[in-house]
C-alpha atoms as a PDB file:
ATOM      1  CA  MET A   1      83.661 113.849  29.460  1.00  0.00           C
ATOM      2  CA  ALA A   2      80.168 112.742  28.413  1.00  0.00           C
ATOM      3  CA  ARG A   3      79.079 116.345  27.817  1.00  0.00           C
ATOM      4  CA  TRP A   4      82.271 117.142  25.898  1.00  0.00           C
ATOM      5  CA  LEU A   5      81.785 114.107  23.670  1.00  0.00           C
ATOM      6  CA  ALA A   6      78.167 115.055  23.069  1.00  0.00           C
ATOM      7  CA  ARG A   7      79.252 118.534  21.982  1.00  0.00           C
ATOM      8  CA  GLN A   8      81.598 116.866  19.482  1.00  0.00           C
ATOM      9  CA  GLY A   9      78.611 115.129  17.918  1.00  0.00           C
ATOM     10  CA  ALA A  10      79.361 111.699  19.407  1.00  0.00           C
ATOM     11  CA  VAL A  11      76.600 109.193  20.135  1.00  0.00           C
ATOM     12  CA  ALA A  12      76.718 107.025  23.273  1.00  0.00           C
ATOM     13  CA  ILE A  13      75.966 103.316  22.792  1.00  0.00           C
ATOM     14  CA  ALA A  14      75.602 101.011  25.796  1.00  0.00           C
ATOM     15  CA  LEU A  15      77.718  97.848  25.803  1.00  0.00           C
ATOM     16  CA  GLU A  16      77.247  94.779  27.993  1.00  0.00           C
ATOM     17  CA  ARG A  17      79.241  91.767  29.206  1.00  0.00           C
ATOM     18  CA  PRO A  18      80.740  93.857  30.820  1.00  0.00           C
ATOM     19  CA  GLN A  19      78.781  97.079  31.065  1.00  0.00           C
ATOM     20  CA  ALA A  20      80.501  99.952  29.288  1.00  0.00           C
ATOM     21  CA  THR A  21      79.795 102.889  26.986  1.00  0.00           C
ATOM     22  CA  MET A  22      81.088 103.382  23.458  1.00  0.00           C
ATOM     23  CA  PHE A  23      81.071 106.865  21.954  1.00  0.00           C
ATOM     24  CA  VAL A  24      80.974 106.838  18.159  1.00  0.00           C
ATOM     25  CA  ASN A  25      80.493 109.297  15.355  1.00  0.00           C
ATOM     26  CA  ALA A  26      76.823 110.074  14.880  1.00  0.00           C
ATOM     27  CA  GLN A  27      77.024 109.264  11.171  1.00  0.00           C
ATOM     28  CA  VAL A  28      75.715 105.853  10.185  1.00  0.00           C
ATOM     29  CA  LEU A  29      77.153 106.195   6.676  1.00  0.00           C
ATOM     30  CA  SER A  30      80.798 106.672   5.774  1.00  0.00           C
ATOM     31  CA  ASP A  31      80.716 110.221   4.369  1.00  0.00           C
ATOM     32  CA  GLY A  32      84.420 109.922   3.678  1.00  0.00           C
ATOM     33  CA  LEU A  33      85.397 108.452   7.074  1.00  0.00           C
ATOM     34  CA  ALA A  34      87.238 105.141   7.202  1.00  0.00           C
ATOM     35  CA  VAL A  35      85.597 102.124   8.798  1.00  0.00           C
ATOM     36  CA  ASN A  36      86.820 101.539  12.341  1.00  0.00           C
ATOM     37  CA  GLU A  37      86.962  97.748  12.163  1.00  0.00           C
ATOM     38  CA  ARG A  38      88.020  97.135  15.765  1.00  0.00           C
ATOM     39  CA  ALA A  39      85.287  99.335  17.221  1.00  0.00           C
ATOM     40  CA  SER A  40      82.785  97.709  14.864  1.00  0.00           C
ATOM     41  CA  LEU A  41      83.746  94.244  16.149  1.00  0.00           C
ATOM     42  CA  LEU A  42      83.252  95.304  19.775  1.00  0.00           C
ATOM     43  CA  LEU A  43      79.932  96.906  18.922  1.00  0.00           C
ATOM     44  CA  LYS A  44      78.623  93.789  17.180  1.00  0.00           C
ATOM     45  CA  ALA A  45      79.711  91.502  20.031  1.00  0.00           C
ATOM     46  CA  HIS A  46      78.765  93.621  23.034  1.00  0.00           C
ATOM     47  CA  ARG A  47      76.022  96.117  22.219  1.00  0.00           C
ATOM     48  CA  ALA A  48      73.255  95.934  24.786  1.00  0.00           C
ATOM     49  CA  GLN A  49      70.419  96.793  22.394  1.00  0.00           C
ATOM     50  CA  PRO A  50      70.000  96.805  18.611  1.00  0.00           C
ATOM     51  CA  CYS A  51      71.040 100.142  17.136  1.00  0.00           C
ATOM     52  CA  GLU A  52      71.289 101.768  13.745  1.00  0.00           C
ATOM     53  CA  HIS A  53      75.079 101.618  13.788  1.00  0.00           C
ATOM     54  CA  SER A  54      76.084  98.442  11.968  1.00  0.00           C
ATOM     55  CA  TRP A  55      79.573  99.854  11.431  1.00  0.00           C
ATOM     56  CA  VAL A  56      81.600 102.496  13.203  1.00  0.00           C
ATOM     57  CA  PHE A  57      83.181 105.196  11.048  1.00  0.00           C
ATOM     58  CA  GLY A  58      86.042 107.272  12.345  1.00  0.00           C
ATOM     59  CA  PRO A  59      87.382 107.253  15.920  1.00  0.00           C
ATOM     60  CA  ALA A  60      85.575 105.655  18.848  1.00  0.00           C
ATOM     61  CA  ILE A  61      86.075 105.782  22.611  1.00  0.00           C
ATOM     62  CA  VAL A  62      85.181 103.059  25.117  1.00  0.00           C
ATOM     63  CA  VAL A  63      84.707 104.063  28.759  1.00  0.00           C
ATOM     64  CA  GLY A  64      82.829 102.644  31.695  1.00  0.00           C
ATOM     65  CA  PRO A  65      79.061 102.610  32.165  1.00  0.00           C
ATOM     66  CA  ARG A  66      77.109 105.763  32.873  1.00  0.00           C
ATOM     67  CA  GLU A  67      76.248 106.084  36.553  1.00  0.00           C
ATOM     68  CA  ALA A  68      74.502 109.082  38.136  1.00  0.00           C
ATOM     69  CA  ASN A  69      75.253 111.242  35.096  1.00  0.00           C
ATOM     70  CA  ARG A  70      78.942 110.312  35.297  1.00  0.00           C
ATOM     71  CA  LEU A  71      81.064 107.793  33.431  1.00  0.00           C
ATOM     72  CA  ARG A  72      82.980 105.150  35.335  1.00  0.00           C
ATOM     73  CA  SER A  73      86.408 103.802  34.369  1.00  0.00           C
ATOM     74  CA  ILE A  74      86.701 101.334  31.510  1.00  0.00           C
ATOM     75  CA  PRO A  75      86.168  97.722  32.687  1.00  0.00           C
ATOM     76  CA  ASP A  76      89.218  95.457  32.971  1.00  0.00           C
ATOM     77  CA  GLU A  77      87.900  93.122  30.260  1.00  0.00           C
ATOM     78  CA  PHE A  78      88.009  95.876  27.618  1.00  0.00           C
ATOM     79  CA  LEU A  79      91.200  97.447  28.961  1.00  0.00           C
ATOM     80  CA  ASN A  80      92.948  94.065  28.740  1.00  0.00           C
ATOM     81  CA  LEU A  81      92.216  93.927  25.005  1.00  0.00           C
ATOM     82  CA  ALA A  82      94.465  96.936  24.517  1.00  0.00           C
ATOM     83  CA  THR A  83      97.169  96.133  27.077  1.00  0.00           C
ATOM     84  CA  TYR A  84      97.606  92.349  27.109  1.00  0.00           C
ATOM     85  CA  GLN A  85     100.640  91.300  25.055  1.00  0.00           C
ATOM     86  CA  GLY A  86      99.886  87.579  24.785  1.00  0.00           C
ATOM     87  CA  MET A  87      97.492  85.388  22.835  1.00  0.00           C
ATOM     88  CA  PHE A  88      93.672  85.481  22.932  1.00  0.00           C
ATOM     89  CA  GLU A  89      90.994  82.825  22.856  1.00  0.00           C
ATOM     90  CA  VAL A  90      87.299  82.949  21.958  1.00  0.00           C
ATOM     91  CA  GLN A  91      84.566  82.041  24.407  1.00  0.00           C
ATOM     92  CA  VAL A  92      80.918  81.564  23.452  1.00  0.00           C
ATOM     93  CA  GLY A  93      77.807  81.777  25.602  1.00  0.00           C
ATOM     94  CA  THR A  94      74.838  79.717  24.423  1.00  0.00           C
ATOM     95  CA  TYR A  95      71.095  80.047  24.891  1.00  0.00           C
ATOM     96  CA  GLY A  96      70.902  76.758  26.776  1.00  0.00           C
ATOM     97  CA  GLU A  97      73.460  77.677  29.437  1.00  0.00           C
ATOM     98  CA  PRO A  98      73.009  81.313  30.502  1.00  0.00           C
ATOM     99  CA  GLY A  99      75.973  82.763  32.350  1.00  0.00           C
ATOM    100  CA  GLN A 100      78.339  79.983  31.215  1.00  0.00           C
ATOM    101  CA  TRP A 101      81.153  80.383  28.701  1.00  0.00           C
ATOM    102  CA  ALA A 102      82.716  77.646  26.577  1.00  0.00           C
ATOM    103  CA  GLY A 103      85.902  77.723  24.514  1.00  0.00           C
ATOM    104  CA  ASN A 104      88.300  75.542  22.540  1.00  0.00           C
ATOM    105  CA  ASP A 105      92.057  75.276  21.979  1.00  0.00           C
ATOM    106  CA  LEU A 106      92.298  77.859  19.189  1.00  0.00           C
ATOM    107  CA  LEU A 107      94.581  80.811  19.968  1.00  0.00           C
ATOM    108  CA  PHE A 108      94.762  84.136  18.144  1.00  0.00           C
ATOM    109  CA  ARG A 109      97.574  86.673  17.978  1.00  0.00           C
ATOM    110  CA  THR A 110      95.300  89.688  18.450  1.00  0.00           C
ATOM    111  CA  TRP A 111      91.920  90.297  20.031  1.00  0.00           C
ATOM    112  CA  ASP A 112      90.388  91.554  16.784  1.00  0.00           C
ATOM    113  CA  GLU A 113      91.364  88.306  15.036  1.00  0.00           C
ATOM    114  CA  ALA A 114      89.635  86.442  17.878  1.00  0.00           C
ATOM    115  CA  TYR A 115      86.451  88.523  17.594  1.00  0.00           C
ATOM    116  CA  THR A 116      86.385  88.134  13.814  1.00  0.00           C
ATOM    117  CA  TRP A 117      86.502  84.344  14.158  1.00  0.00           C
ATOM    118  CA  GLY A 118      84.050  84.295  17.063  1.00  0.00           C
ATOM    119  CA  LEU A 119      81.433  86.440  15.355  1.00  0.00           C
ATOM    120  CA  GLY A 120      81.753  84.256  12.264  1.00  0.00           C
ATOM    121  CA  LEU A 121      81.089  81.199  14.424  1.00  0.00           C
ATOM    122  CA  ALA A 122      78.095  82.881  16.051  1.00  0.00           C
ATOM    123  CA  GLY A 123      76.671  83.599  12.613  1.00  0.00           C
ATOM    124  CA  ARG A 124      76.807  79.888  11.741  1.00  0.00           C
ATOM    125  CA  TRP A 125      75.859  78.346  15.086  1.00  0.00           C
ATOM    126  CA  THR A 126      72.251  79.045  16.033  1.00  0.00           C
ATOM    127  CA  GLN A 127      72.824  78.200  19.712  1.00  0.00           C
ATOM    128  CA  ALA A 128      75.526  80.868  20.108  1.00  0.00           C
ATOM    129  CA  GLN A 129      74.176  83.897  21.953  1.00  0.00           C
ATOM    130  CA  HIS A 130      77.255  85.848  23.074  1.00  0.00           C
ATOM    131  CA  VAL A 131      80.909  86.028  22.029  1.00  0.00           C
ATOM    132  CA  ARG A 132      83.939  87.417  23.814  1.00  0.00           C
ATOM    133  CA  ALA A 133      87.730  87.388  23.400  1.00  0.00           C
ATOM    134  CA  VAL A 134      89.803  86.846  26.542  1.00  0.00           C
ATOM    135  CA  PRO A 135      93.548  86.629  27.329  1.00  0.00           C
ATOM    136  CA  ALA A 136      95.002  83.130  26.985  1.00  0.00           C
ATOM    137  CA  VAL A 137      98.287  81.274  27.440  1.00  0.00           C
ATOM    138  CA  ASN A 138      99.852  78.701  25.156  1.00  0.00           C
ATOM    139  CA  ALA A 139      99.734  74.959  25.789  1.00  0.00           C
ATOM    140  CA  GLN A 140     103.333  74.797  27.026  1.00  0.00           C
ATOM    141  CA  THR A 141     102.716  77.436  29.669  1.00  0.00           C
ATOM    142  CA  LEU A 142      99.491  75.773  30.765  1.00  0.00           C
ATOM    143  CA  GLN A 143     101.199  72.397  31.151  1.00  0.00           C
ATOM    144  CA  ARG A 144     103.994  73.956  33.166  1.00  0.00           C
ATOM    145  CA  TRP A 145     101.399  75.581  35.408  1.00  0.00           C
ATOM    146  CA  VAL A 146      99.611  72.254  35.866  1.00  0.00           C
ATOM    147  CA  ASP A 147     102.898  70.655  36.930  1.00  0.00           C
ATOM    148  CA  ILE A 148     103.491  73.422  39.470  1.00  0.00           C
ATOM    149  CA  VAL A 149      99.952  73.180  40.834  1.00  0.00           C
ATOM    150  CA  GLU A 150     100.179  69.411  41.181  1.00  0.00           C
ATOM    151  CA  ALA A 151     103.516  69.628  42.979  1.00  0.00           C
ATOM    152  CA  HIS A 152     103.029  72.606  45.232  1.00  0.00           C
ATOM    153  CA  ALA A 153      99.410  73.816  45.538  1.00  0.00           C
ATOM    154  CA  ARG A 154      97.262  73.141  48.556  1.00  0.00           C
ATOM    155  CA  PRO A 155      94.844  70.224  47.940  1.00  0.00           C
ATOM    156  CA  ALA A 156      91.285  71.235  47.109  1.00  0.00           C
ATOM    157  CA  THR A 157      88.525  70.305  49.540  1.00  0.00           C
ATOM    158  CA  GLY A 158      84.899  71.325  49.809  1.00  0.00           C
ATOM    159  CA  ASN A 159      82.131  70.491  47.359  1.00  0.00           C
ATOM    160  CA  PRO A 160      83.354  67.842  44.853  1.00  0.00           C
ATOM    161  CA  ALA A 161      80.988  69.199  42.211  1.00  0.00           C
ATOM    162  CA  LEU A 162      82.715  72.569  42.417  1.00  0.00           C
ATOM    163  CA  LYS A 163      86.221  71.114  42.324  1.00  0.00           C
ATOM    164  CA  HIS A 164      85.834  69.903  38.746  1.00  0.00           C
ATOM    165  CA  ARG A 165      84.303  73.096  37.401  1.00  0.00           C
ATOM    166  CA  HIS A 166      87.741  74.556  36.740  1.00  0.00           C
ATOM    167  CA  ALA A 167      90.236  72.757  34.498  1.00  0.00           C
ATOM    168  CA  HIS A 168      93.143  71.223  36.431  1.00  0.00           C
ATOM    169  CA  GLY A 169      91.902  72.985  39.552  1.00  0.00           C
ATOM    170  CA  ILE A 170      92.901  76.361  38.034  1.00  0.00           C
ATOM    171  CA  ARG A 171      90.152  78.961  37.942  1.00  0.00           C
ATOM    172  CA  ALA A 172      90.415  81.523  35.129  1.00  0.00           C
ATOM    173  CA  CYS A 173      89.339  85.076  36.046  1.00  0.00           C
ATOM    174  CA  TYR A 174      88.910  87.928  33.586  1.00  0.00           C
ATOM    175  CA  ASN A 175      88.930  91.016  35.791  1.00  0.00           C
ATOM    176  CA  VAL A 176      90.615  91.912  39.068  1.00  0.00           C
ATOM    177  CA  ALA A 177      87.341  92.105  40.994  1.00  0.00           C
ATOM    178  CA  GLU A 178      86.415  88.584  39.853  1.00  0.00           C
ATOM    179  CA  LEU A 179      89.872  87.364  40.888  1.00  0.00           C
ATOM    180  CA  ALA A 180      89.577  88.948  44.333  1.00  0.00           C
ATOM    181  CA  GLY A 181      86.104  87.500  44.828  1.00  0.00           C
ATOM    182  CA  ALA A 182      87.235  84.027  43.773  1.00  0.00           C
ATOM    183  CA  ILE A 183      90.177  84.071  46.191  1.00  0.00           C
ATOM    184  CA  THR A 184      87.903  85.248  48.993  1.00  0.00           C
ATOM    185  CA  ARG A 185      85.071  82.751  48.406  1.00  0.00           C
ATOM    186  CA  ASP A 186      86.414  79.709  46.565  1.00  0.00           C
ATOM    187  CA  ALA A 187      89.668  78.830  48.315  1.00  0.00           C
ATOM    188  CA  GLU A 188      88.311  75.488  49.553  1.00  0.00           C
ATOM    189  CA  HIS A 189      87.717  73.950  46.139  1.00  0.00           C
ATOM    190  CA  VAL A 190      90.077  75.894  43.841  1.00  0.00           C
ATOM    191  CA  ARG A 191      93.802  75.140  43.930  1.00  0.00           C
ATOM    192  CA  ALA A 192      95.031  78.043  41.826  1.00  0.00           C
ATOM    193  CA  TYR A 193      93.847  81.106  39.917  1.00  0.00           C
ATOM    194  CA  ARG A 194      94.742  82.502  36.497  1.00  0.00           C
ATOM    195  CA  TYR A 195      94.493  86.126  35.429  1.00  0.00           C
ATOM    196  CA  GLN A 196      95.952  87.005  32.012  1.00  0.00           C
ATOM    197  CA  ASP A 197      99.397  85.319  32.029  1.00  0.00           C
ATOM    198  CA  LEU A 198      99.657  85.250  35.828  1.00  0.00           C
ATOM    199  CA  LEU A 199      99.158  82.147  37.989  1.00  0.00           C
ATOM    200  CA  LEU A 200      98.426  82.466  41.716  1.00  0.00           C
ATOM    201  CA  LEU A 201      98.334  79.468  44.041  1.00  0.00           C
ATOM    202  CA  GLN A 202      98.225  78.642  47.714  1.00  0.00           C
ATOM    203  CA  ARG A 203     101.290  76.662  48.713  1.00  0.00           C
ATOM    204  CA  ASP A 204     100.627  73.403  50.505  1.00  0.00           C
ATOM    205  CA  ASN A 205     102.284  74.089  53.855  1.00  0.00           C
ATOM    206  CA  THR A 206     101.144  70.770  55.332  1.00  0.00           C
ATOM    207  CA  ARG A 207     103.787  68.829  53.417  1.00  0.00           C
ATOM    208  CA  THR A 208     107.160  69.431  51.845  1.00  0.00           C
ATOM    209  CA  CYS A 209     108.293  68.273  48.447  1.00  0.00           C
ATOM    210  CA  ALA A 210     108.629  64.518  48.129  1.00  0.00           C
ATOM    211  CA  PRO A 211     112.233  63.351  48.142  1.00  0.00           C
ATOM    212  CA  GLY A 212     113.653  62.428  44.769  1.00  0.00           C
ATOM    213  CA  PRO A 213     116.857  61.220  43.154  1.00  0.00           C
ATOM    214  CA  GLY A 214     119.801  63.566  43.070  1.00  0.00           C
ATOM    215  CA  ALA A 215     122.373  63.921  40.352  1.00  0.00           C
ATOM    216  CA  ASP A 216     124.225  60.863  41.653  1.00  0.00           C
ATOM    217  CA  GLY A 217     121.078  58.745  41.921  1.00  0.00           C
ATOM    218  CA  ARG A 218     120.821  59.011  45.708  1.00  0.00           C
ATOM    219  CA  GLN A 219     117.826  60.435  47.505  1.00  0.00           C
ATOM    220  CA  GLU A 220     118.107  64.147  48.149  1.00  0.00           C
ATOM    221  CA  SER A 221     116.623  65.914  51.148  1.00  0.00           C
ATOM    222  CA  ARG A 222     113.073  67.106  50.749  1.00  0.00           C
ATOM    223  CA  ARG A 223     113.907  70.808  50.754  1.00  0.00           C
ATOM    224  CA  ASP A 224     116.977  70.471  48.514  1.00  0.00           C
ATOM    225  CA  ASN A 225     115.017  68.447  45.984  1.00  0.00           C
ATOM    226  CA  CYS A 226     112.256  71.031  45.909  1.00  0.00           C
ATOM    227  CA  GLN A 227     114.747  73.849  45.519  1.00  0.00           C
ATOM    228  CA  ASN A 228     116.530  72.081  42.672  1.00  0.00           C
ATOM    229  CA  GLY A 229     113.199  71.420  40.990  1.00  0.00           C
ATOM    230  CA  TRP A 230     112.302  75.099  41.078  1.00  0.00           C
ATOM    231  CA  GLN A 231     115.709  76.166  39.824  1.00  0.00           C
ATOM    232  CA  GLN A 232     115.697  73.649  36.977  1.00  0.00           C
ATOM    233  CA  ARG A 233     112.282  74.884  35.944  1.00  0.00           C
ATOM    234  CA  SER A 234     113.449  78.476  36.178  1.00  0.00           C
ATOM    235  CA  HIS A 235     116.609  77.822  34.151  1.00  0.00           C
ATOM    236  CA  SER A 236     115.105  75.903  31.238  1.00  0.00           C
ATOM    237  CA  ARG A 237     114.479  77.761  28.011  1.00  0.00           C
ATOM    238  CA  GLY A 238     111.045  77.855  26.418  1.00  0.00           C
ATOM    239  CA  HIS A 239     109.148  79.877  23.836  1.00  0.00           C
ATOM    240  CA  ALA A 240     110.717  83.249  23.167  1.00  0.00           C
ATOM    241  CA  ALA A 241     107.644  85.114  24.363  1.00  0.00           C
ATOM    242  CA  ASP A 242     107.168  82.866  27.363  1.00  0.00           C
ATOM    243  CA  ARG A 243     110.661  81.702  28.255  1.00  0.00           C
ATOM    244  CA  ASP A 244     111.986  80.835  31.684  1.00  0.00           C
ATOM    245  CA  THR A 245     115.052  82.298  33.336  1.00  0.00           C
ATOM    246  CA  GLY A 246     118.140  81.364  31.332  1.00  0.00           C
ATOM    247  CA  PRO A 247     121.418  79.914  32.641  1.00  0.00           C
ATOM    248  CA  GLY A 248     123.434  82.467  34.555  1.00  0.00           C
ATOM    249  CA  GLU A 249     120.472  84.750  35.217  1.00  0.00           C
ATOM    250  CA  GLN A 250     119.418  85.640  38.724  1.00  0.00           C
ATOM    251  CA  VAL A 251     117.148  83.240  40.591  1.00  0.00           C
ATOM    252  CA  PRO A 252     114.500  85.233  42.503  1.00  0.00           C
ATOM    253  CA  GLU A 253     115.078  85.476  46.220  1.00  0.00           C
ATOM    254  CA  SER A 254     111.658  83.883  46.804  1.00  0.00           C
ATOM    255  CA  LEU A 255     112.998  80.637  45.352  1.00  0.00           C
ATOM    256  CA  SER A 256     115.758  80.508  47.919  1.00  0.00           C
ATOM    257  CA  ASP A 257     115.344  79.046  51.381  1.00  0.00           C
ATOM    258  CA  SER A 258     114.321  82.378  52.917  1.00  0.00           C
ATOM    259  CA  GLY A 259     111.115  82.523  50.849  1.00  0.00           C
ATOM    260  CA  TYR A 260     110.362  78.850  50.688  1.00  0.00           C
ATOM    261  CA  ARG A 261     107.583  78.709  53.251  1.00  0.00           C
ATOM    262  CA  GLU A 262     105.531  81.612  51.892  1.00  0.00           C
ATOM    263  CA  ARG A 263     101.816  80.797  51.736  1.00  0.00           C
ATOM    264  CA  TRP A 264     101.058  82.312  48.303  1.00  0.00           C
ATOM    265  CA  LEU A 265     103.095  81.903  45.142  1.00  0.00           C
ATOM    266  CA  ALA A 266     102.851  83.681  41.800  1.00  0.00           C
ATOM    267  CA  VAL A 267     104.158  82.481  38.430  1.00  0.00           C
ATOM    268  CA  ARG A 268     104.597  84.717  35.403  1.00  0.00           C
ATOM    269  CA  HIS A 269     106.888  84.430  32.362  1.00  0.00           C
ATOM    270  CA  GLY A 270     108.509  81.377  33.904  1.00  0.00           C
ATOM    271  CA  VAL A 271     109.464  83.247  37.082  1.00  0.00           C
ATOM    272  CA  THR A 272     108.097  81.913  40.381  1.00  0.00           C
ATOM    273  CA  PHE A 273     108.025  84.221  43.379  1.00  0.00           C
ATOM    274  CA  ALA A 274     106.296  84.610  46.725  1.00  0.00           C
ATOM    275  CA  VAL A 275     103.623  87.266  47.209  1.00  0.00           C
ATOM    276  CA  PRO A 276     102.056  88.635  50.404  1.00  0.00           C
ATOM    277  CA  ASP A 277      98.933  87.068  51.877  1.00  0.00           C
ATOM    278  CA  LEU A 278      96.330  87.801  49.208  1.00  0.00           C
ATOM    279  CA  PRO A 279      93.139  87.700  51.342  1.00  0.00           C
ATOM    280  CA  ALA A 280      94.756  90.264  53.652  1.00  0.00           C
ATOM    281  CA  LEU A 281      95.591  92.529  50.698  1.00  0.00           C
ATOM    282  CA  ILE A 282      92.019  92.205  49.452  1.00  0.00           C
ATOM    283  CA  ALA A 283      90.681  93.250  52.854  1.00  0.00           C
ATOM    284  CA  GLN A 284      93.098  96.200  52.876  1.00  0.00           C
ATOM    285  CA  ARG A 285      92.114  97.212  49.307  1.00  0.00           C
ATOM    286  CA  ARG A 286      95.730  96.823  48.153  1.00  0.00           C
ATOM    287  CA  PHE A 287      95.146  93.777  45.964  1.00  0.00           C
ATOM    288  CA  ARG A 288      94.434  95.567  42.667  1.00  0.00           C
ATOM    289  CA  SER A 289      97.598  97.608  42.947  1.00  0.00           C
ATOM    290  CA  LEU A 290      99.710  94.458  43.426  1.00  0.00           C
ATOM    291  CA  ILE A 291      98.132  92.626  40.473  1.00  0.00           C
ATOM    292  CA  GLU A 292      98.531  95.621  38.169  1.00  0.00           C
ATOM    293  CA  ARG A 293     102.203  96.003  39.121  1.00  0.00           C
ATOM    294  CA  ILE A 294     102.938  92.311  38.567  1.00  0.00           C
ATOM    295  CA  CYS A 295     101.142  92.224  35.201  1.00  0.00           C
ATOM    296  CA  SER A 296     103.009  95.299  33.955  1.00  0.00           C
ATOM    297  CA  ALA A 297     106.460  94.133  35.130  1.00  0.00           C
ATOM    298  CA  ASP A 298     108.999  92.863  32.602  1.00  0.00           C
ATOM    299  CA  ASP A 299     111.153  89.747  32.983  1.00  0.00           C
ATOM    300  CA  ARG A 300     114.053  91.628  34.570  1.00  0.00           C
ATOM    301  CA  GLN A 301     111.785  93.208  37.185  1.00  0.00           C
ATOM    302  CA  LEU A 302     110.128  89.882  37.959  1.00  0.00           C
ATOM    303  CA  ASN A 303     113.477  88.141  38.420  1.00  0.00           C
ATOM    304  CA  ALA A 304     114.700  90.932  40.695  1.00  0.00           C
ATOM    305  CA  GLY A 305     111.426  91.073  42.654  1.00  0.00           C
ATOM    306  CA  ARG A 306     111.002  94.766  41.826  1.00  0.00           C
ATOM    307  CA  PHE A 307     107.393  95.477  40.933  1.00  0.00           C
END
């Protein structure tokens, strides 16, 4: 591909955070070609070295980094910009804290809106060194996730300093390799993991749900109360783009008694379901395939457990 692009007169520009390659038209002036605003935003935010291309004119292609005269696949972080259907947030890396990213509560409908705002901030804030746009979830979804984690996730142990590094005990990951590494290494001090609009958590198998009042005010059994709690959460209606299962729709089998004691749970689009043992899938190199299938499934497939 690299040779074919070169024959077409394309110029390769190295990107970083993550490493990738952008092929652009060799022209640095318009010459009748329209400005490619999205490619220009990525170039400004991620170019590895200063280059003469301040703007991209015409089509552009982003692929993986060059390695041994070959091009690798596009990194998840850039692929997610094109495939993720939810909201985006801006994260900024500063000169004083290398390797750390900070964000705020602002959400954007598209990734190019997020980059436009982020690059504007970087132009005003002298401490801003890097900018990136990453998939985000709305406040309602995040609060629902926090409630689920508090009620059902395994308690965090390990280094107390590491426990508080991730908000609400939920670690956000921005590519599948990072997610797999976090699950493999950080299970002691992280209660749950977020990737795009997917939540993964280890169920606390050392205790069952605390008993609570039933419809008639009497104490229900532990398992029945937990089951009712899941079904009520699954049958409440929320935001149209992030709604839970509606009344009369199928409750996933994993919410029934047969799936209740599964070790790992996943939550997406208001549907909660059991997944196989994730560390085992990582060791078997089957983890990426599972995550990609879950993230591409629609609500009907998630409810039916077909992904």
